[in-house]
Amino acid sequence: MSKLVAPHGNDRLNPLLAPESERAGALKHAERLPKVPMSSREVSDLLMLAMGAYTPLTGFMGEADWRGCCLDMKTADGLFWPIPITLSCENDLADGIGIGEEVALVDGAGEIFGILTVTEKYAIDRALECSNVFRTTDTAHPGVEKVMRQGAVNLAGPVSALNEGHYPETYPGLYHRPANTRALFQDLGWTTVAAFQTRNPMHRSHEYLAKIAVEICDGLLIHQVLGALKPGDIPAEVRVASIDALVANYFVPGTVIQAGYPIEMRYAGPREALLHAVFRQNFGCSHLVVGRDHAGLGDYYGPLDAHHIFDQIDKGSMEIQPLKIDITFHCYKCGGMATGRTCPHGEENRLGISGTGLREMFAKGKPIPNEFSRPEVLDVLRAYYDDVK
């Protein structure tokens, strides 16, 4: 009997990827169906459904679930879910699709990724979704821009995924489905596991947060975003190599697993922190590290807004718990990493550390202090930046 936290809203995972023995026949069937193109975000959501990361969802949300997620962070049947998972299309395409019909879901290149049985068609209030999920309707925000640009009609219904794209082949040994991570945790004897979300190479602040988590839990899952990011972000394979170097040289063996998953970032700040918690529970994690400006962007959210939102949801919304850690920095007077809760010294003694600052120093050819990042990590990043010059 597993001692890991249970999947969200369910006693077992609900992966929607069709059995391998059925996929060839299902793909032939799908070729004859009407095709609905998906955005990159929708493809990533289908992949998350496929692997069981969005347990217990069975497909793309209907209107009542969409509205409930936007307004109350709950589906129509009361399941806690902080961001709607939807599929859109244009009016003319929706008009030709009847309720109860099957459609093939394809990416931008026309490759079939799944079959949707349409149970509902509905229009959404884009401003309502954006103002609630992103706290802004500013289209300079990439998550808002995607919602505002999507089709006028949402199609809802259960899906059968037929394809996981390039991820299993591109990231062998890293692309772990929730069933895989749960098996790994059990093999290691872990019962409490902290997830560390990252879309950046890990600098010294990240390392500090990760080691706090290792002190509290049996082990740590460093969980890499493998889906599409915003321009300027460092590619996944470079991040993976830099984190491998960090773990090999600065973590106790057997305390860390690195894995990747195919979501596309929405940059929804506090709401996205909650979504990260929900699906990390499905991966078997009991805790989520929530640091400064988790899943944020620019000045749209306060640096600790993602901390506060966990205090605003109903108790029992999910089993996973946040590890809320204050803003971290290197204090020259303390002689090491610290937070405002542990360091009494003033700003003049503190070196703020961020992924943005690291990228800017590389871009401008500035020397990078040892307090900012480990030399093994810098070697990996320096090779990448030399190649892209």
Protein backbone atom coordinates (compact mmCIF):
# COMPACT_ATOMS: atom_id res chain seq x y z
CA MET A 1 0.00 0.00 0.00
CA SER A 2 1.51 3.34 -1.04
CA LYS A 3 2.21 5.86 1.73
CA LEU A 4 2.46 8.70 -0.77
CA VAL A 5 -0.16 11.43 -0.96
CA ALA A 6 -3.22 10.33 -2.96
CA PRO A 7 -3.92 11.73 -6.45
CA HIS A 8 -6.01 14.90 -6.47
CA GLY A 9 -9.74 14.28 -6.08
CA ASN A 10 -9.34 10.57 -6.72
CA ASP A 11 -7.96 7.36 -5.26
CA ARG A 12 -6.02 6.58 -8.44
CA LEU A 13 -4.45 8.32 -11.39
CA ASN A 14 -6.54 8.91 -14.49
CA PRO A 15 -4.18 9.01 -17.50
CA LEU A 16 -6.02 9.55 -20.79
CA LEU A 17 -3.38 8.13 -23.15
CA ALA A 18 -4.91 5.26 -25.10
CA PRO A 19 -3.22 1.86 -24.64
CA GLU A 20 -0.39 1.42 -27.14
CA SER A 21 -2.13 -1.60 -28.71
CA GLU A 22 -5.12 0.59 -29.62
CA ARG A 23 -3.37 3.69 -30.94
CA ALA A 24 -2.69 2.62 -34.52
CA GLY A 25 -6.34 1.78 -35.13
CA ALA A 26 -7.52 4.91 -33.35
CA LEU A 27 -5.19 7.07 -35.46
CA LYS A 28 -6.62 5.58 -38.66
CA HIS A 29 -10.11 6.33 -37.37
CA ALA A 30 -9.07 9.88 -36.41
CA GLU A 31 -7.80 10.59 -39.91
CA ARG A 32 -11.40 10.40 -41.17
CA LEU A 33 -12.75 12.79 -38.54
CA PRO A 34 -13.12 16.59 -38.68
CA LYS A 35 -9.86 18.20 -37.57
CA VAL A 36 -9.70 20.76 -34.77
CA PRO A 37 -6.36 22.61 -34.59
CA MET A 38 -4.92 23.22 -31.13
CA SER A 39 -2.72 26.05 -29.91
CA SER A 40 0.59 25.13 -28.29
CA ARG A 41 -1.00 25.67 -24.88
CA GLU A 42 -3.87 23.33 -25.73
CA VAL A 43 -1.44 20.69 -26.97
CA SER A 44 0.45 20.93 -23.68
CA ASP A 45 -2.79 20.59 -21.72
CA LEU A 46 -3.73 17.50 -23.75
CA LEU A 47 -0.32 16.00 -22.96
CA MET A 48 -0.86 16.69 -19.26
CA LEU A 49 -4.25 14.96 -19.50
CA ALA A 50 -2.61 12.08 -21.37
CA MET A 51 -0.02 11.38 -18.67
CA GLY A 52 -2.51 11.67 -15.81
CA ALA A 53 -1.06 14.92 -14.45
CA TYR A 54 -4.51 16.53 -14.61
CA THR A 55 -6.24 13.71 -12.69
CA PRO A 56 -9.20 13.48 -12.21
CA LEU A 57 -10.17 15.49 -15.32
CA THR A 58 -11.52 13.42 -18.22
CA GLY A 59 -11.10 16.01 -20.96
CA PHE A 60 -11.67 19.65 -21.82
CA MET A 61 -14.06 21.58 -19.57
CA GLY A 62 -17.66 22.52 -20.25
CA GLU A 63 -19.13 25.95 -19.53
CA ALA A 64 -20.14 25.34 -15.92
CA ASP A 65 -16.70 23.99 -15.06
CA TRP A 66 -15.00 26.83 -16.96
CA ARG A 67 -17.02 29.47 -15.12
CA GLY A 68 -16.58 27.80 -11.75
CA CYS A 69 -12.81 27.59 -12.19
CA CYS A 70 -12.62 31.25 -13.17
CA LEU A 71 -14.80 32.59 -10.37
CA ASP A 72 -14.46 30.16 -7.47
CA MET A 73 -11.58 27.85 -8.44
CA LYS A 74 -14.00 24.92 -8.36
CA THR A 75 -15.66 22.81 -11.03
CA ALA A 76 -19.43 22.36 -11.08
CA ASP A 77 -19.18 19.26 -8.88
CA GLY A 78 -17.01 21.02 -6.28
CA LEU A 79 -13.55 19.80 -7.32
CA PHE A 80 -10.86 22.37 -6.52
CA TRP A 81 -9.27 23.47 -9.81
CA PRO A 82 -7.69 26.95 -10.10
CA ILE A 83 -7.26 27.42 -13.88
CA PRO A 84 -9.71 26.26 -16.56
CA ILE A 85 -8.52 23.62 -19.03
CA THR A 86 -10.30 24.37 -22.31
CA LEU A 87 -10.15 23.88 -26.06
CA SER A 88 -11.23 26.60 -28.48
CA CYS A 89 -12.01 26.85 -32.18
CA GLU A 90 -13.47 29.37 -34.59
CA ASN A 91 -17.23 29.80 -35.13
CA ASP A 92 -17.32 28.35 -38.64
CA LEU A 93 -15.60 25.15 -37.52
CA ALA A 94 -17.78 24.82 -34.42
CA ASP A 95 -20.95 25.28 -36.54
CA GLY A 96 -20.09 22.16 -38.51
CA ILE A 97 -19.62 19.95 -35.45
CA GLY A 98 -22.62 18.34 -33.77
CA ILE A 99 -23.01 17.38 -30.13
CA GLY A 100 -21.99 13.75 -29.71
CA GLU A 101 -19.65 13.82 -32.70
CA GLU A 102 -15.98 12.91 -32.53
CA VAL A 103 -13.26 15.24 -33.76
CA ALA A 104 -9.53 14.74 -34.22
CA LEU A 105 -7.28 17.11 -32.27
CA VAL A 106 -4.24 18.23 -34.25
CA ASP A 107 -1.26 20.49 -33.60
CA GLY A 108 -0.14 23.37 -35.80
CA ALA A 109 1.56 20.97 -38.21
CA GLY A 110 -1.57 18.84 -38.58
CA GLU A 111 -0.29 15.90 -36.50
CA ILE A 112 -3.08 14.03 -34.70
CA PHE A 113 -2.78 14.05 -30.91
CA GLY A 114 -6.15 12.75 -29.80
CA ILE A 115 -9.88 12.34 -30.26
CA LEU A 116 -12.50 14.48 -28.51
CA THR A 117 -16.14 13.44 -28.17
CA VAL A 118 -17.99 16.75 -28.18
CA THR A 119 -20.53 17.10 -25.37
CA GLU A 120 -20.85 20.88 -25.38
CA LYS A 121 -20.12 24.01 -27.40
CA TYR A 122 -20.08 27.42 -25.72
CA ALA A 123 -18.70 30.94 -25.99
CA ILE A 124 -16.64 32.42 -23.18
CA ASP A 125 -16.16 35.85 -21.69
CA ARG A 126 -12.45 36.34 -22.31
CA ALA A 127 -12.21 39.40 -20.07
CA LEU A 128 -13.84 37.50 -17.21
CA GLU A 129 -11.35 34.65 -17.55
CA CYS A 130 -8.33 36.92 -17.77
CA SER A 131 -9.31 39.27 -14.95
CA ASN A 132 -9.86 36.32 -12.60
CA VAL A 133 -7.06 33.95 -13.64
CA PHE A 134 -4.34 36.50 -14.51
CA ARG A 135 -5.64 39.51 -12.52
CA THR A 136 -5.22 41.59 -15.68
CA THR A 137 -6.61 41.99 -19.18
CA ASP A 138 -3.38 43.54 -20.47
CA THR A 139 -2.47 41.74 -23.70
CA ALA A 140 1.21 42.47 -23.05
CA HIS A 141 0.89 39.58 -20.60
CA PRO A 142 1.59 36.41 -22.67
CA GLY A 143 -1.05 34.33 -20.88
CA VAL A 144 -3.71 36.99 -21.45
CA GLU A 145 -2.65 37.41 -25.07
CA LYS A 146 -3.21 33.68 -25.69
CA VAL A 147 -6.70 33.74 -24.21
CA MET A 148 -7.66 36.88 -26.12
CA ARG A 149 -6.38 35.35 -29.36
CA GLN A 150 -8.10 31.98 -29.01
CA GLY A 151 -11.17 30.94 -30.99
CA ALA A 152 -14.63 32.22 -30.16
CA VAL A 153 -16.10 28.83 -29.18
CA ASN A 154 -14.95 26.24 -26.66
CA LEU A 155 -15.48 22.55 -27.37
CA ALA A 156 -15.92 20.33 -24.33
CA GLY A 157 -15.91 16.61 -23.73
CA PRO A 158 -13.85 13.56 -22.86
CA VAL A 159 -10.63 12.93 -24.77
CA SER A 160 -8.52 9.95 -25.72
CA ALA A 161 -4.90 10.97 -26.28
CA LEU A 162 -3.05 9.12 -29.05
CA ASN A 163 0.32 10.84 -29.11
CA GLU A 164 2.83 12.28 -26.61
CA GLY A 165 4.75 14.21 -29.23
CA HIS A 166 8.54 14.35 -29.17
CA TYR A 167 8.94 14.44 -25.39
CA PRO A 168 9.58 10.76 -24.56
CA GLU A 169 12.25 10.51 -27.28
CA THR A 170 13.78 13.96 -26.75
CA TYR A 171 14.08 13.62 -22.97
CA PRO A 172 14.71 9.93 -22.20
CA GLY A 173 15.24 9.41 -18.50
CA LEU A 174 13.71 12.81 -17.76
CA TYR A 175 10.17 12.57 -19.13
CA HIS A 176 8.44 10.89 -16.20
CA ARG A 177 4.69 10.46 -16.00
CA PRO A 178 3.02 10.61 -12.56
CA ALA A 179 2.93 6.82 -12.35
CA ASN A 180 6.70 6.80 -12.99
CA THR A 181 7.59 9.37 -10.30
CA ARG A 182 5.38 7.60 -7.76
CA ALA A 183 7.17 4.33 -8.47
CA LEU A 184 10.57 6.04 -8.15
CA PHE A 185 9.61 7.61 -4.82
CA GLN A 186 8.40 4.29 -3.46
CA ASP A 187 11.56 2.51 -4.60
CA LEU A 188 13.61 5.10 -2.69
CA GLY A 189 11.43 4.71 0.39
CA TRP A 190 10.24 8.31 0.28
CA THR A 191 6.83 9.13 1.77
CA THR A 192 7.15 12.93 1.80
CA VAL A 193 8.43 14.60 -1.34
CA ALA A 194 8.85 18.28 -2.13
CA ALA A 195 8.45 19.51 -5.70
CA PHE A 196 10.66 22.33 -6.92
CA GLN A 197 9.21 24.05 -9.98
CA THR A 198 11.71 25.60 -12.38
CA ARG A 199 11.82 27.11 -15.83
CA ASN A 200 15.33 28.49 -15.28
CA PRO A 201 18.79 27.11 -14.54
CA MET A 202 19.21 26.86 -10.76
CA HIS A 203 21.25 29.63 -9.16
CA ARG A 204 22.27 29.85 -5.49
CA SER A 205 18.86 31.04 -4.30
CA HIS A 206 17.21 28.05 -5.99
CA GLU A 207 19.80 25.75 -4.45
CA TYR A 208 19.08 27.23 -1.01
CA LEU A 209 15.33 26.68 -1.40
CA ALA A 210 15.87 23.14 -2.64
CA LYS A 211 18.09 22.25 0.31
CA ILE A 212 15.55 23.59 2.79
CA ALA A 213 13.03 21.23 1.16
CA VAL A 214 15.45 18.29 1.48
CA GLU A 215 15.81 19.06 5.21
CA ILE A 216 12.02 18.89 5.64
CA CYS A 217 11.04 16.02 3.32
CA ASP A 218 12.45 12.61 2.45
CA GLY A 219 13.39 13.77 -1.03
CA LEU A 220 13.11 16.45 -3.68
CA LEU A 221 11.67 16.39 -7.20
CA ILE A 222 13.28 19.10 -9.33
CA HIS A 223 10.56 19.44 -11.94
CA GLN A 224 11.54 21.08 -15.22
CA VAL A 225 9.12 22.85 -17.56
CA LEU A 226 9.63 21.24 -20.99
CA GLY A 227 6.82 23.05 -22.84
CA ALA A 228 6.96 26.40 -24.61
CA LEU A 229 8.33 29.38 -22.67
CA LYS A 230 8.58 33.08 -23.39
CA PRO A 231 11.28 34.55 -25.67
CA GLY A 232 14.66 34.83 -23.97
CA ASP A 233 14.20 31.87 -21.64
CA ILE A 234 16.98 29.27 -21.68
CA PRO A 235 16.21 26.01 -23.58
CA ALA A 236 15.25 22.94 -21.58
CA GLU A 237 18.29 20.85 -22.55
CA VAL A 238 20.64 23.58 -21.25
CA ARG A 239 18.70 23.88 -18.00
CA VAL A 240 18.76 20.11 -17.57
CA ALA A 241 22.55 19.96 -18.04
CA SER A 242 23.13 22.80 -15.59
CA ILE A 243 20.90 21.21 -12.96
CA ASP A 244 22.59 17.85 -13.46
CA ALA A 245 25.92 19.57 -12.73
CA LEU A 246 24.51 21.23 -9.62
CA VAL A 247 22.97 18.04 -8.22
CA ALA A 248 26.08 15.94 -8.94
CA ASN A 249 28.36 18.33 -7.09
CA TYR A 250 26.29 19.90 -4.33
CA PHE A 251 23.53 17.50 -3.23
CA VAL A 252 23.74 14.29 -1.21
CA PRO A 253 23.23 11.29 -3.51
CA GLY A 254 19.76 9.76 -3.27
CA THR A 255 18.01 12.95 -2.15
CA VAL A 256 17.06 14.43 -5.55
CA ILE A 257 15.27 13.29 -8.70
CA GLN A 258 15.16 15.55 -11.75
CA ALA A 259 12.21 15.16 -14.09
CA GLY A 260 10.45 17.13 -16.82
CA TYR A 261 6.86 17.62 -17.83
CA PRO A 262 5.22 19.07 -20.97
CA ILE A 263 3.18 22.00 -19.69
CA GLU A 264 3.34 25.42 -21.29
CA MET A 265 3.71 28.23 -18.77
CA ARG A 266 0.78 30.62 -18.46
CA TYR A 267 2.65 33.04 -16.15
CA ALA A 268 -0.51 33.32 -14.06
CA GLY A 269 1.34 33.90 -10.79
CA PRO A 270 -0.72 32.90 -7.73
CA ARG A 271 -3.33 30.91 -9.66
CA GLU A 272 -0.60 29.02 -11.49
CA ALA A 273 1.12 28.25 -8.18
CA LEU A 274 -2.10 26.51 -7.13
CA LEU A 275 -2.26 24.58 -10.40
CA HIS A 276 1.36 23.54 -9.90
CA ALA A 277 0.42 22.23 -6.48
CA VAL A 278 -2.58 20.28 -7.78
CA PHE A 279 -0.71 18.36 -10.43
CA ARG A 280 2.40 17.88 -8.27
CA GLN A 281 0.11 16.02 -5.89
CA ASN A 282 -0.70 13.74 -8.82
CA PHE A 283 3.03 13.17 -9.32
CA GLY A 284 3.16 11.98 -5.70
CA CYS A 285 4.52 15.11 -4.01
CA SER A 286 3.37 16.07 -0.52
CA HIS A 287 4.86 19.60 -0.65
CA LEU A 288 5.51 22.33 -3.21
CA VAL A 289 8.31 24.85 -2.75
CA VAL A 290 6.81 28.32 -3.25
CA GLY A 291 9.42 31.03 -3.41
CA ARG A 292 9.54 34.58 -4.71
CA ASP A 293 7.10 35.48 -7.51
CA HIS A 294 6.21 31.85 -8.27
CA ALA A 295 5.09 31.55 -11.93
CA GLY A 296 4.97 35.32 -12.12
CA LEU A 297 5.98 37.82 -14.78
CA GLY A 298 7.15 41.42 -14.55
CA ASP A 299 5.16 43.48 -12.07
CA TYR A 300 1.79 41.79 -12.54
CA TYR A 301 2.01 40.09 -9.13
CA GLY A 302 3.59 40.89 -5.80
CA PRO A 303 6.68 38.86 -4.88
CA LEU A 304 4.80 36.88 -2.22
CA ASP A 305 1.27 36.81 -3.73
CA ALA A 306 1.68 33.09 -4.42
CA HIS A 307 2.27 32.57 -0.69
CA HIS A 308 -0.87 34.44 0.29
CA ILE A 309 -3.22 32.62 -2.08
CA PHE A 310 -2.65 29.30 -0.30
CA ASP A 311 -4.10 30.94 2.83
CA GLN A 312 -7.19 32.10 0.92
CA ILE A 313 -8.44 28.72 -0.36
CA ASP A 314 -10.73 26.38 1.57
CA LYS A 315 -9.05 23.87 3.84
CA GLY A 316 -9.04 20.45 2.26
CA SER A 317 -8.92 21.86 -1.28
CA MET A 318 -5.93 19.59 -1.89
CA GLU A 319 -3.65 17.40 0.20
CA ILE A 320 -0.31 18.83 -0.95
CA GLN A 321 1.07 21.61 1.25
CA PRO A 322 3.10 24.70 0.31
CA LEU A 323 6.60 25.26 1.63
CA LYS A 324 6.45 29.05 1.69
CA ILE A 325 9.96 30.49 1.79
CA ASP A 326 10.76 34.19 1.99
CA ILE A 327 12.80 36.08 -0.59
CA THR A 328 16.36 34.71 -0.57
CA PHE A 329 19.67 36.51 -1.09
CA HIS A 330 23.37 36.26 -0.29
CA CYS A 331 24.31 38.28 2.77
CA TYR A 332 27.95 39.32 2.81
CA LYS A 333 27.84 39.96 6.54
CA CYS A 334 26.23 36.57 7.32
CA GLY A 335 28.63 34.96 4.88
CA GLY A 336 26.01 32.90 3.06
CA MET A 337 22.47 32.53 1.77
CA ALA A 338 19.66 33.87 3.92
CA THR A 339 16.13 35.26 3.94
CA GLY A 340 14.51 38.20 5.67
CA ARG A 341 13.46 35.81 8.42
CA THR A 342 17.03 34.74 9.19
CA CYS A 343 19.18 37.76 8.30
CA PRO A 344 19.06 40.99 10.38
CA HIS A 345 21.32 43.02 8.10
CA GLY A 346 20.45 45.83 5.73
CA GLU A 347 20.10 45.93 1.97
CA GLU A 348 23.66 47.20 1.59
CA ASN A 349 24.89 43.76 2.70
CA ARG A 350 22.60 41.75 0.42
CA LEU A 351 23.12 40.43 -3.10
CA GLY A 352 19.77 39.78 -4.80
CA ILE A 353 19.86 36.71 -7.02
CA SER A 354 17.51 36.01 -9.93
CA GLY A 355 17.39 34.20 -13.24
CA THR A 356 16.73 37.50 -15.00
CA GLY A 357 19.83 39.04 -13.43
CA LEU A 358 21.92 36.04 -14.45
CA ARG A 359 20.75 36.26 -18.07
CA GLU A 360 21.48 40.00 -18.15
CA MET A 361 25.03 39.50 -16.86
CA PHE A 362 25.69 36.89 -19.55
CA ALA A 363 24.15 39.07 -22.25
CA LYS A 364 26.32 42.06 -21.26
CA GLY A 365 29.46 40.01 -20.70
CA LYS A 366 29.66 41.02 -17.04
CA PRO A 367 31.62 38.92 -14.53
CA ILE A 368 29.32 36.71 -12.45
CA PRO A 369 30.04 36.56 -8.70
CA ASN A 370 30.61 33.17 -7.09
CA GLU A 371 27.80 34.05 -4.70
CA PHE A 372 25.39 34.10 -7.64
CA SER A 373 25.87 30.67 -9.14
CA ARG A 374 28.05 27.57 -8.81
CA PRO A 375 31.02 27.42 -11.22
CA GLU A 376 29.89 24.08 -12.70
CA VAL A 377 26.53 25.65 -13.56
CA LEU A 378 28.20 28.72 -15.05
CA ASP A 379 30.38 26.51 -17.26
CA VAL A 380 27.26 24.95 -18.83
CA LEU A 381 25.58 28.33 -19.30
CA ARG A 382 28.71 29.98 -20.66
CA ALA A 383 29.00 27.31 -23.36
CA TYR A 384 25.37 27.94 -24.33
CA TYR A 385 25.74 31.72 -24.51
CA ASP A 386 28.98 31.40 -26.49
CA ASP A 387 27.11 29.28 -29.06
CA VAL A 388 24.23 31.75 -29.46
CA LYS A 389 26.40 34.86 -29.88
